[in-house]
PDB file of N, CA and C in Angstrom:
ATOM      1  N   MET A   1       7.415   9.459   2.628  1.00  0.00           N
ATOM      2  CA  MET A   1       8.106   9.272   2.137  1.00  0.00           C
ATOM      3  C   MET A   1       8.607   7.943   1.700  1.00  0.00           C
ATOM      4  N   ALA A   2       8.687   6.612   3.111  1.00  0.00           N
ATOM      5  CA  ALA A   2       9.023   4.947   3.218  1.00  0.00           C
ATOM      6  C   ALA A   2       8.360   4.861   1.777  1.00  0.00           C
ATOM      7  N   GLY A   3       7.167   5.618   0.609  1.00  0.00           N
ATOM      8  CA  GLY A   3       6.714   4.606  -0.002  1.00  0.00           C
ATOM      9  C   GLY A   3       7.519   5.795  -1.190  1.00  0.00           C
ATOM     10  N   SER A   4       8.536   6.606  -1.115  1.00  0.00           N
ATOM     11  CA  SER A   4       8.580   6.827  -2.596  1.00  0.00           C
ATOM     12  C   SER A   4       9.704   6.434  -2.809  1.00  0.00           C
ATOM     13  N   VAL A   5      10.929   6.025  -1.497  1.00  0.00           N
ATOM     14  CA  VAL A   5      12.220   5.224  -1.125  1.00  0.00           C
ATOM     15  C   VAL A   5      11.712   4.060  -1.592  1.00  0.00           C
ATOM     16  N   LEU A   6      10.948   3.701  -1.053  1.00  0.00           N
ATOM     17  CA  LEU A   6      10.173   2.275  -1.880  1.00  0.00           C
ATOM     18  C   LEU A   6      10.165   1.799  -3.481  1.00  0.00           C
ATOM     19  N   PHE A   7       9.413   2.879  -3.663  1.00  0.00           N
ATOM     20  CA  PHE A   7       8.786   2.791  -5.416  1.00  0.00           C
ATOM     21  C   PHE A   7      10.195   3.097  -5.848  1.00  0.00           C
ATOM     22  N   ILE A   8      10.887   4.273  -5.587  1.00  0.00           N
ATOM     23  CA  ILE A   8      12.220   4.077  -7.116  1.00  0.00           C
ATOM     24  C   ILE A   8      13.104   2.877  -6.650  1.00  0.00           C
ATOM     25  N   VAL A   9      12.831   2.212  -5.467  1.00  0.00           N
ATOM     26  CA  VAL A   9      14.162   1.296  -5.344  1.00  0.00           C
ATOM     27  C   VAL A   9      13.468  -0.397  -6.169  1.00  0.00           C
ATOM     28  N   ASN A  10      12.324  -0.176  -6.225  1.00  0.00           N
ATOM     29  CA  ASN A  10      11.611  -1.136  -6.486  1.00  0.00           C
ATOM     30  C   ASN A  10      11.526  -1.291  -7.877  1.00  0.00           C
ATOM     31  N   THR A  11      11.453  -0.199  -7.983  1.00  0.00           N
ATOM     32  CA  THR A  11      11.953   0.193  -9.995  1.00  0.00           C
ATOM     33  C   THR A  11      12.283  -0.164 -10.208  1.00  0.00           C
ATOM     34  N   LEU A  12      13.858   0.400 -10.313  1.00  0.00           N
ATOM     35  CA  LEU A  12      14.995  -0.042 -10.574  1.00  0.00           C
ATOM     36  C   LEU A  12      15.584  -1.755 -10.139  1.00  0.00           C
ATOM     37  N   ARG A  13      15.135  -2.181  -8.920  1.00  0.00           N
ATOM     38  CA  ARG A  13      14.942  -3.559  -8.527  1.00  0.00           C
ATOM     39  C   ARG A  13      15.029  -4.552  -9.581  1.00  0.00           C
ATOM     40  N   ILE A  14      13.657  -4.228 -10.368  1.00  0.00           N
ATOM     41  CA  ILE A  14      13.076  -5.331 -10.821  1.00  0.00           C
ATOM     42  C   ILE A  14      12.905  -4.749 -12.135  1.00  0.00           C
ATOM     43  N   GLY A  15      13.635  -3.579 -12.547  1.00  0.00           N
ATOM     44  CA  GLY A  15      13.753  -3.199 -14.164  1.00  0.00           C
ATOM     45  C   GLY A  15      15.171  -3.274 -14.222  1.00  0.00           C
ATOM     46  N   LEU A  16      16.169  -3.478 -13.637  1.00  0.00           N
ATOM     47  CA  LEU A  16      18.031  -3.761 -13.638  1.00  0.00           C
ATOM     48  C   LEU A  16      17.766  -5.067 -13.467  1.00  0.00           C
ATOM     49  N   PHE A  17      17.392  -6.261 -12.523  1.00  0.00           N
ATOM     50  CA  PHE A  17      17.824  -7.459 -12.642  1.00  0.00           C
ATOM     51  C   PHE A  17      16.877  -8.156 -12.710  1.00  0.00           C
ATOM     52  N   MET A  18      15.779  -7.999 -13.954  1.00  0.00           N
ATOM     53  CA  MET A  18      14.796  -8.326 -14.059  1.00  0.00           C
ATOM     54  C   MET A  18      14.553  -8.546 -15.749  1.00  0.00           C
ATOM     55  N   PRO A  19      15.400  -7.892 -16.568  1.00  0.00           N
ATOM     56  CA  PRO A  19      14.988  -7.518 -17.542  1.00  0.00           C
ATOM     57  C   PRO A  19      13.616  -8.263 -18.352  1.00  0.00           C
ATOM     58  N   GLU A  20      13.355  -9.592 -18.305  1.00  0.00           N
ATOM     59  CA  GLU A  20      12.532 -10.072 -18.868  1.00  0.00           C
ATOM     60  C   GLU A  20      11.175  -9.782 -18.141  1.00  0.00           C
ATOM     61  N   VAL A  21      10.960  -9.432 -17.410  1.00  0.00           N
ATOM     62  CA  VAL A  21      10.188  -8.973 -16.745  1.00  0.00           C
ATOM     63  C   VAL A  21       9.528  -7.550 -17.481  1.00  0.00           C
ATOM     64  N   GLY A  22      10.541  -6.016 -17.808  1.00  0.00           N
ATOM     65  CA  GLY A  22       9.671  -5.395 -18.342  1.00  0.00           C
ATOM     66  C   GLY A  22       9.570  -4.492 -17.045  1.00  0.00           C
ATOM     67  N   TRP A  23       9.842  -2.984 -17.500  1.00  0.00           N
ATOM     68  CA  TRP A  23       9.716  -2.158 -16.625  1.00  0.00           C
ATOM     69  C   TRP A  23       8.326  -1.575 -16.482  1.00  0.00           C
ATOM     70  N   THR A  24       7.153  -1.685 -17.498  1.00  0.00           N
ATOM     71  CA  THR A  24       5.504  -1.813 -17.115  1.00  0.00           C
ATOM     72  C   THR A  24       5.565  -2.270 -16.045  1.00  0.00           C
ATOM     73  N   LEU A  25       5.481  -3.453 -15.855  1.00  0.00           N
ATOM     74  CA  LEU A  25       5.426  -4.225 -14.417  1.00  0.00           C
ATOM     75  C   LEU A  25       6.375  -3.525 -13.460  1.00  0.00           C
ATOM     76  N   ALA A  26       7.761  -3.308 -13.595  1.00  0.00           N
ATOM     77  CA  ALA A  26       7.780  -2.612 -12.394  1.00  0.00           C
ATOM     78  C   ALA A  26       7.329  -1.448 -12.193  1.00  0.00           C
ATOM     79  N   LEU A  27       6.867  -0.661 -12.867  1.00  0.00           N
ATOM     80  CA  LEU A  27       6.047   0.297 -12.444  1.00  0.00           C
ATOM     81  C   LEU A  27       5.489   0.367 -12.068  1.00  0.00           C
ATOM     82  N   VAL A  28       4.240  -0.726 -12.748  1.00  0.00           N
ATOM     83  CA  VAL A  28       2.826  -1.583 -11.869  1.00  0.00           C
ATOM     84  C   VAL A  28       3.146  -1.956 -10.157  1.00  0.00           C
ATOM     85  N   VAL A  29       3.577  -2.497 -10.324  1.00  0.00           N
ATOM     86  CA  VAL A  29       3.959  -3.361  -8.701  1.00  0.00           C
ATOM     87  C   VAL A  29       4.980  -2.489  -7.656  1.00  0.00           C
ATOM     88  N   SER A  30       5.126  -1.259  -8.284  1.00  0.00           N
ATOM     89  CA  SER A  30       6.598  -0.623  -7.178  1.00  0.00           C
ATOM     90  C   SER A  30       5.079   1.005  -7.450  1.00  0.00           C
ATOM     91  N   ALA A  31       3.935   1.080  -8.156  1.00  0.00           N
ATOM     92  CA  ALA A  31       3.108   1.935  -7.839  1.00  0.00           C
ATOM     93  C   ALA A  31       2.098   1.621  -6.590  1.00  0.00           C
ATOM     94  N   THR A  32       2.161   0.315  -6.828  1.00  0.00           N
ATOM     95  CA  THR A  32       1.134  -0.165  -5.521  1.00  0.00           C
ATOM     96  C   THR A  32       2.115  -0.352  -4.322  1.00  0.00           C
ATOM     97  N   VAL A  33       2.585  -0.500  -4.653  1.00  0.00           N
ATOM     98  CA  VAL A  33       3.428  -0.542  -3.635  1.00  0.00           C
ATOM     99  C   VAL A  33       3.236   0.497  -2.559  1.00  0.00           C
ATOM    100  N   PHE A  34       3.326   1.636  -3.597  1.00  0.00           N
ATOM    101  CA  PHE A  34       3.331   3.338  -2.803  1.00  0.00           C
ATOM    102  C   PHE A  34       2.358   3.789  -2.798  1.00  0.00           C
ATOM    103  N   ILE A  35       0.865   3.465  -3.498  1.00  0.00           N
ATOM    104  CA  ILE A  35      -0.183   3.985  -2.854  1.00  0.00           C
ATOM    105  C   ILE A  35      -0.471   2.809  -1.750  1.00  0.00           C
ATOM    106  N   ILE A  36      -0.343   1.686  -1.668  1.00  0.00           N
ATOM    107  CA  ILE A  36      -0.368   0.652  -0.114  1.00  0.00           C
ATOM    108  C   ILE A  36      -0.178   1.228   0.644  1.00  0.00           C
ATOM    109  N   ILE A  37       1.015   1.804   1.106  1.00  0.00           N
ATOM    110  CA  ILE A  37       2.333   1.956   1.895  1.00  0.00           C
ATOM    111  C   ILE A  37       1.388   3.464   2.370  1.00  0.00           C
ATOM    112  N   THR A  38       1.134   4.295   1.454  1.00  0.00           N
ATOM    113  CA  THR A  38       0.085   5.211   1.541  1.00  0.00           C
ATOM    114  C   THR A  38      -1.180   5.702   2.654  1.00  0.00           C
ATOM    115  N   LEU A  39      -2.117   4.464   1.974  1.00  0.00           N
ATOM    116  CA  LEU A  39      -3.553   3.943   2.946  1.00  0.00           C
ATOM    117  C   LEU A  39      -2.698   3.810   3.971  1.00  0.00           C
ATOM    118  N   ALA A  40      -1.830   2.723   4.266  1.00  0.00           N
ATOM    119  CA  ALA A  40      -1.942   1.495   5.081  1.00  0.00           C
ATOM    120  C   ALA A  40      -1.501   3.160   6.752  1.00  0.00           C
ATOM    121  N   ASN A  41      -0.829   4.339   5.853  1.00  0.00           N
ATOM    122  CA  ASN A  41       0.301   4.966   6.800  1.00  0.00           C
ATOM    123  C   ASN A  41      -1.250   5.531   7.685  1.00  0.00           C
ATOM    124  N   LEU A  42      -2.543   6.004   6.540  1.00  0.00           N
ATOM    125  CA  LEU A  42      -3.841   7.012   6.833  1.00  0.00           C
ATOM    126  C   LEU A  42      -4.184   6.321   7.348  1.00  0.00           C
ATOM    127  N   VAL A  43      -4.718   4.955   6.985  1.00  0.00           N
ATOM    128  CA  VAL A  43      -5.358   4.135   8.295  1.00  0.00           C
ATOM    129  C   VAL A  43      -4.963   3.845   9.936  1.00  0.00           C
ATOM    130  N   GLY A  44      -3.951   3.283   9.303  1.00  0.00           N
ATOM    131  CA  GLY A  44      -3.114   3.707  10.749  1.00  0.00           C
ATOM    132  C   GLY A  44      -2.958   4.546  11.122  1.00  0.00           C
ATOM    133  N   GLY A  45      -3.406   5.494  11.222  1.00  0.00           N
ATOM    134  CA  GLY A  45      -3.402   7.018  12.026  1.00  0.00           C
ATOM    135  C   GLY A  45      -4.627   7.609  12.108  1.00  0.00           C
ATOM    136  N   LEU A  46      -5.497   7.281  11.482  1.00  0.00           N
ATOM    137  CA  LEU A  46      -6.736   8.038  11.871  1.00  0.00           C
ATOM    138  C   LEU A  46      -7.885   7.204  11.762  1.00  0.00           C
ATOM    139  N   LEU A  47      -8.121   5.081  12.217  1.00  0.00           N
ATOM    140  CA  LEU A  47      -8.765   4.763  12.794  1.00  0.00           C
ATOM    141  C   LEU A  47      -8.165   4.418  14.335  1.00  0.00           C
ATOM    142  N   PRO A  48      -7.531   4.957  14.605  1.00  0.00           N
ATOM    143  CA  PRO A  48      -7.018   5.249  16.576  1.00  0.00           C
ATOM    144  C   PRO A  48      -7.890   6.109  16.864  1.00  0.00           C
ATOM    145  N   LEU A  49      -7.767   7.569  15.875  1.00  0.00           N
ATOM    146  CA  LEU A  49      -8.686   8.390  16.329  1.00  0.00           C
ATOM    147  C   LEU A  49      -9.756   8.410  15.870  1.00  0.00           C
ATOM    148  N   LEU A  50     -10.135   7.957  15.003  1.00  0.00           N
ATOM    149  CA  LEU A  50     -11.594   7.551  15.439  1.00  0.00           C
ATOM    150  C   LEU A  50     -12.033   6.680  16.285  1.00  0.00           C
ATOM    151  N   ALA A  51     -11.456   5.898  16.394  1.00  0.00           N
ATOM    152  CA  ALA A  51     -12.381   5.591  17.780  1.00  0.00           C
ATOM    153  C   ALA A  51     -12.231   5.940  19.254  1.00  0.00           C
ATOM    154  N   LEU A  52     -11.531   6.457  19.729  1.00  0.00           N
ATOM    155  CA  LEU A  52     -10.831   7.936  20.818  1.00  0.00           C
ATOM    156  C   LEU A  52     -12.537   8.770  20.544  1.00  0.00           C
ATOM    157  N   ALA A  53     -12.449   9.386  19.060  1.00  0.00           N
ATOM    158  CA  ALA A  53     -13.537   9.992  19.312  1.00  0.00           C
ATOM    159  C   ALA A  53     -14.961   9.186  19.415  1.00  0.00           C
ATOM    160  N   MET A  54     -15.350   8.105  19.187  1.00  0.00           N
ATOM    161  CA  MET A  54     -16.050   7.196  19.192  1.00  0.00           C
ATOM    162  C   MET A  54     -15.913   6.713  21.284  1.00  0.00           C
ATOM    163  N   LYS A  55     -15.374   6.803  21.797  1.00  0.00           N
ATOM    164  CA  LYS A  55     -15.096   6.870  22.933  1.00  0.00           C
ATOM    165  C   LYS A  55     -14.490   5.287  23.067  1.00  0.00           C
ATOM    166  N   GLN A  56     -13.988   4.830  22.614  1.00  0.00           N
ATOM    167  CA  GLN A  56     -13.383   3.524  22.562  1.00  0.00           C
ATOM    168  C   GLN A  56     -11.795   3.346  22.666  1.00  0.00           C
ATOM    169  N   ASP A  57     -11.271   2.249  23.175  1.00  0.00           N
ATOM    170  CA  ASP A  57     -10.374   2.555  23.065  1.00  0.00           C
ATOM    171  C   ASP A  57      -9.206   1.971  22.236  1.00  0.00           C
ATOM    172  N   PRO A  58      -8.746   3.036  21.968  1.00  0.00           N
ATOM    173  CA  PRO A  58      -8.175   2.963  20.149  1.00  0.00           C
ATOM    174  C   PRO A  58      -7.313   1.651  20.660  1.00  0.00           C
ATOM    175  N   ALA A  59      -6.351   0.890  20.986  1.00  0.00           N
ATOM    176  CA  ALA A  59      -5.397  -0.351  21.148  1.00  0.00           C
ATOM    177  C   ALA A  59      -6.328  -1.143  20.540  1.00  0.00           C
ATOM    178  N   ALA A  60      -8.143  -1.890  21.213  1.00  0.00           N
ATOM    179  CA  ALA A  60      -8.166  -2.762  20.582  1.00  0.00           C
ATOM    180  C   ALA A  60      -8.415  -2.305  19.472  1.00  0.00           C
ATOM    181  N   MET A  61      -9.004  -1.863  18.712  1.00  0.00           N
ATOM    182  CA  MET A  61      -9.483  -1.399  17.802  1.00  0.00           C
ATOM    183  C   MET A  61      -8.503  -1.296  16.111  1.00  0.00           C
ATOM    184  N   ALA A  62      -7.213  -0.886  16.911  1.00  0.00           N
ATOM    185  CA  ALA A  62      -5.985  -0.478  15.940  1.00  0.00           C
ATOM    186  C   ALA A  62      -5.813  -1.490  14.736  1.00  0.00           C
ATOM    187  N   SER A  63      -4.488  -3.172  15.231  1.00  0.00           N
ATOM    188  CA  SER A  63      -3.722  -3.797  14.740  1.00  0.00           C
ATOM    189  C   SER A  63      -4.966  -4.620  14.174  1.00  0.00           C
ATOM    190  N   PRO A  64      -6.041  -5.208  14.222  1.00  0.00           N
ATOM    191  CA  PRO A  64      -6.718  -6.288  13.476  1.00  0.00           C
ATOM    192  C   PRO A  64      -7.410  -5.700  12.437  1.00  0.00           C
ATOM    193  N   LEU A  65      -7.721  -4.817  12.939  1.00  0.00           N
ATOM    194  CA  LEU A  65      -9.563  -3.762  12.058  1.00  0.00           C
ATOM    195  C   LEU A  65      -8.185  -3.330  10.580  1.00  0.00           C
ATOM    196  N   ILE A  66      -7.155  -2.949  11.494  1.00  0.00           N
ATOM    197  CA  ILE A  66      -6.520  -1.961  10.507  1.00  0.00           C
ATOM    198  C   ILE A  66      -5.482  -3.055   9.145  1.00  0.00           C
ATOM    199  N   THR A  67      -5.435  -4.443   9.313  1.00  0.00           N
ATOM    200  CA  THR A  67      -4.867  -5.452   8.549  1.00  0.00           C
ATOM    201  C   THR A  67      -6.016  -5.537   7.607  1.00  0.00           C
ATOM    202  N   THR A  68      -6.760  -5.952   8.265  1.00  0.00           N
ATOM    203  CA  THR A  68      -8.198  -6.212   7.461  1.00  0.00           C
ATOM    204  C   THR A  68      -8.466  -5.505   6.543  1.00  0.00           C
ATOM    205  N   VAL A  69      -8.562  -4.135   6.582  1.00  0.00           N
ATOM    206  CA  VAL A  69      -8.952  -3.379   5.785  1.00  0.00           C
ATOM    207  C   VAL A  69      -8.174  -3.398   4.692  1.00  0.00           C
ATOM    208  N   ILE A  70      -6.422  -3.007   5.336  1.00  0.00           N
ATOM    209  CA  ILE A  70      -5.587  -2.734   4.190  1.00  0.00           C
ATOM    210  C   ILE A  70      -5.411  -4.054   3.210  1.00  0.00           C
ATOM    211  N   ASP A  71      -5.428  -5.065   3.576  1.00  0.00           N
ATOM    212  CA  ASP A  71      -4.924  -6.410   2.915  1.00  0.00           C
ATOM    213  C   ASP A  71      -6.797  -6.446   1.740  1.00  0.00           C
ATOM    214  N   ALA A  72      -7.452  -5.799   2.421  1.00  0.00           N
ATOM    215  CA  ALA A  72      -8.775  -5.789   1.361  1.00  0.00           C
ATOM    216  C   ALA A  72      -8.112  -4.954  -0.320  1.00  0.00           C
ATOM    217  N   VAL A  73      -8.301  -3.485   0.342  1.00  0.00           N
ATOM    218  CA  VAL A  73      -7.594  -2.269  -0.434  1.00  0.00           C
ATOM    219  C   VAL A  73      -6.607  -3.105  -1.417  1.00  0.00           C
ATOM    220  N   SER A  74      -5.337  -3.212  -0.625  1.00  0.00           N
ATOM    221  CA  SER A  74      -4.896  -3.916  -1.228  1.00  0.00           C
ATOM    222  C   SER A  74      -4.620  -4.351  -2.369  1.00  0.00           C
ATOM    223  N   LEU A  75      -5.270  -5.456  -2.698  1.00  0.00           N
ATOM    224  CA  LEU A  75      -5.404  -5.927  -3.947  1.00  0.00           C
ATOM    225  C   LEU A  75      -6.769  -5.613  -4.752  1.00  0.00           C
ATOM    226  N   THR A  76      -7.399  -4.886  -4.219  1.00  0.00           N
ATOM    227  CA  THR A  76      -8.133  -4.296  -4.925  1.00  0.00           C
ATOM    228  C   THR A  76      -7.520  -2.747  -6.187  1.00  0.00           C
ATOM    229  N   VAL A  77      -6.555  -2.080  -4.835  1.00  0.00           N
ATOM    230  CA  VAL A  77      -5.369  -1.375  -5.683  1.00  0.00           C
ATOM    231  C   VAL A  77      -4.560  -1.756  -7.262  1.00  0.00           C
ATOM    232  N   TYR A  78      -4.071  -3.376  -6.626  1.00  0.00           N
ATOM    233  CA  TYR A  78      -3.288  -3.214  -7.267  1.00  0.00           C
ATOM    234  C   TYR A  78      -4.043  -4.020  -8.800  1.00  0.00           C
ATOM    235  N   PHE A  79      -4.747  -4.783  -9.080  1.00  0.00           N
ATOM    236  CA  PHE A  79      -5.723  -5.303  -9.935  1.00  0.00           C
ATOM    237  C   PHE A  79      -6.512  -4.122 -10.771  1.00  0.00           C
ATOM    238  N   MET A  80      -6.972  -3.058 -10.125  1.00  0.00           N
ATOM    239  CA  MET A  80      -7.032  -1.565 -10.769  1.00  0.00           C
ATOM    240  C   MET A  80      -6.267  -1.031 -11.674  1.00  0.00           C
ATOM    241  N   ILE A  81      -4.620  -0.977 -10.517  1.00  0.00           N
ATOM    242  CA  ILE A  81      -3.965  -0.756 -11.841  1.00  0.00           C
ATOM    243  C   ILE A  81      -3.532  -1.384 -12.458  1.00  0.00           C
ATOM    244  N   ALA A  82      -3.024  -2.872 -12.261  1.00  0.00           N
ATOM    245  CA  ALA A  82      -2.767  -3.614 -13.786  1.00  0.00           C
ATOM    246  C   ALA A  82      -3.295  -3.834 -14.459  1.00  0.00           C
ATOM    247  N   ALA A  83      -5.133  -3.682 -14.594  1.00  0.00           N
ATOM    248  CA  ALA A  83      -6.207  -3.628 -15.144  1.00  0.00           C
ATOM    249  C   ALA A  83      -5.600  -2.221 -16.774  1.00  0.00           C
ATOM    250  N   ALA A  84      -5.440  -1.296 -15.139  1.00  0.00           N
ATOM    251  CA  ALA A  84      -5.262   0.433 -16.377  1.00  0.00           C
ATOM    252  C   ALA A  84      -4.031   0.048 -16.957  1.00  0.00           C
ATOM    253  N   VAL A  85      -3.295  -0.271 -16.752  1.00  0.00           N
ATOM    254  CA  VAL A  85      -1.822  -0.025 -17.506  1.00  0.00           C
ATOM    255  C   VAL A  85      -1.767  -1.641 -18.437  1.00  0.00           C
ATOM    256  N   LEU A  86      -2.008  -2.808 -17.854  1.00  0.00           N
ATOM    257  CA  LEU A  86      -1.215  -3.692 -18.622  1.00  0.00           C
ATOM    258  C   LEU A  86      -2.679  -4.125 -19.626  1.00  0.00           C
TER     259      LEU A  86
END
């Protein structure tokens, strides 16, 4: 839900207030934000459950690992979307 709202607001903000950038780039950036937020929620919810299933402390695994994984994935997702669209 948060990703959808940010997608719409970000697309309109970039498209309307930065006309020199263009709607295509606004859609690329907004789609990336939507996908990254969705992936961050999935990873953030599944990694502690995976740790619990492996009899590990979920709190110790959650924060640093989630941040590292999402940072790496977000750059890859952005460049893949940008390369496909632009």
